[in-house]
Amino acid sequence: MKQAEKNQPTLMSQTAYIGTLGLIFVLPLVAGAYSGRWLDGLAVGYSIRWTMSMLFLGVVIGAVNVYLFIRERE
């Protein structure tokens, strides 16, 4: 019983965990958006094809990162 009480997560550790989850999801998303925008800037004319593709790729990579992080912690 004492061991279970000792291993109970604190508010600060839960906040850090949620913050980490957010970062590992958002960083690939933002990196994909910026790189897609850069690639669209290289193309002639107006295009959002690369931006949307890289944004989608960022979402997929972020979701996989979150899944692997949660699976590792359990």
Protein backbone atom coordinates (compact mmCIF):
# COMPACT_ATOMS: atom_id res chain seq x y z
CA MET A 1 0.00 0.00 0.00
CA LYS A 2 2.82 2.39 0.90
CA GLN A 3 4.63 1.56 -2.32
CA ALA A 4 1.52 2.41 -4.36
CA GLU A 5 1.17 5.75 -2.59
CA LYS A 6 4.84 6.50 -3.17
CA ASN A 7 4.63 5.73 -6.91
CA GLN A 8 1.56 7.92 -7.46
CA PRO A 9 2.32 10.62 -10.05
CA THR A 10 2.38 14.22 -8.87
CA LEU A 11 0.70 17.13 -10.61
CA MET A 12 4.05 18.42 -11.84
CA SER A 13 5.05 15.07 -13.36
CA GLN A 14 1.67 14.74 -15.08
CA THR A 15 2.00 18.27 -16.46
CA ALA A 16 5.48 17.50 -17.80
CA TYR A 17 4.19 14.27 -19.37
CA ILE A 18 1.31 16.05 -21.15
CA GLY A 19 3.68 18.82 -22.26
CA THR A 20 6.08 16.29 -23.70
CA LEU A 21 3.26 14.57 -25.56
CA GLY A 22 2.22 17.91 -27.02
CA LEU A 23 5.72 18.76 -28.15
CA ILE A 24 6.42 15.43 -29.79
CA PHE A 25 3.17 15.81 -31.73
CA VAL A 26 3.42 19.49 -32.66
CA LEU A 27 7.10 19.72 -33.64
CA PRO A 28 6.86 17.35 -36.66
CA LEU A 29 3.63 19.10 -37.65
CA VAL A 30 5.25 22.55 -37.66
CA ALA A 31 8.39 21.26 -39.37
CA GLY A 32 6.25 19.70 -42.10
CA ALA A 33 4.30 22.92 -42.62
CA TYR A 34 7.43 25.04 -42.87
CA SER A 35 9.25 22.66 -45.20
CA GLY A 36 6.14 22.31 -47.38
CA ARG A 37 5.78 26.09 -47.57
CA TRP A 38 9.43 26.38 -48.55
CA LEU A 39 9.00 23.77 -51.29
CA ASP A 40 5.88 25.56 -52.55
CA GLY A 41 7.87 28.78 -52.70
CA LEU A 42 10.30 27.11 -55.09
CA ALA A 43 7.49 26.16 -57.48
CA VAL A 44 6.28 28.51 -60.19
CA GLY A 45 2.84 30.00 -59.54
CA TYR A 46 0.55 29.55 -56.56
CA SER A 47 0.54 26.10 -55.05
CA ILE A 48 -0.23 24.55 -51.68
CA ARG A 49 0.36 20.97 -52.76
CA TRP A 50 3.64 20.53 -50.89
CA THR A 51 2.37 22.38 -47.84
CA MET A 52 -0.64 20.11 -47.49
CA SER A 53 1.38 16.96 -48.19
CA MET A 54 4.08 17.80 -45.68
CA LEU A 55 1.48 18.91 -43.13
CA PHE A 56 -0.25 15.53 -43.44
CA LEU A 57 3.11 13.77 -43.16
CA GLY A 58 3.84 15.80 -40.01
CA VAL A 59 0.52 14.71 -38.47
CA VAL A 60 1.29 11.06 -39.22
CA ILE A 61 4.82 11.27 -37.83
CA GLY A 62 3.58 13.14 -34.74
CA ALA A 63 0.89 10.54 -34.09
CA VAL A 64 3.40 7.70 -34.41
CA ASN A 65 5.75 9.53 -32.03
CA VAL A 66 2.98 9.92 -29.45
CA TYR A 67 1.99 6.27 -29.79
CA LEU A 68 5.56 5.05 -29.36
CA PHE A 69 6.17 7.40 -26.42
CA ILE A 70 3.04 6.22 -24.59
CA ARG A 71 3.80 2.57 -25.31
CA GLU A 72 7.35 2.99 -23.99
CA ARG A 73 6.18 4.60 -20.75
CA GLU A 74 3.74 1.80 -19.88
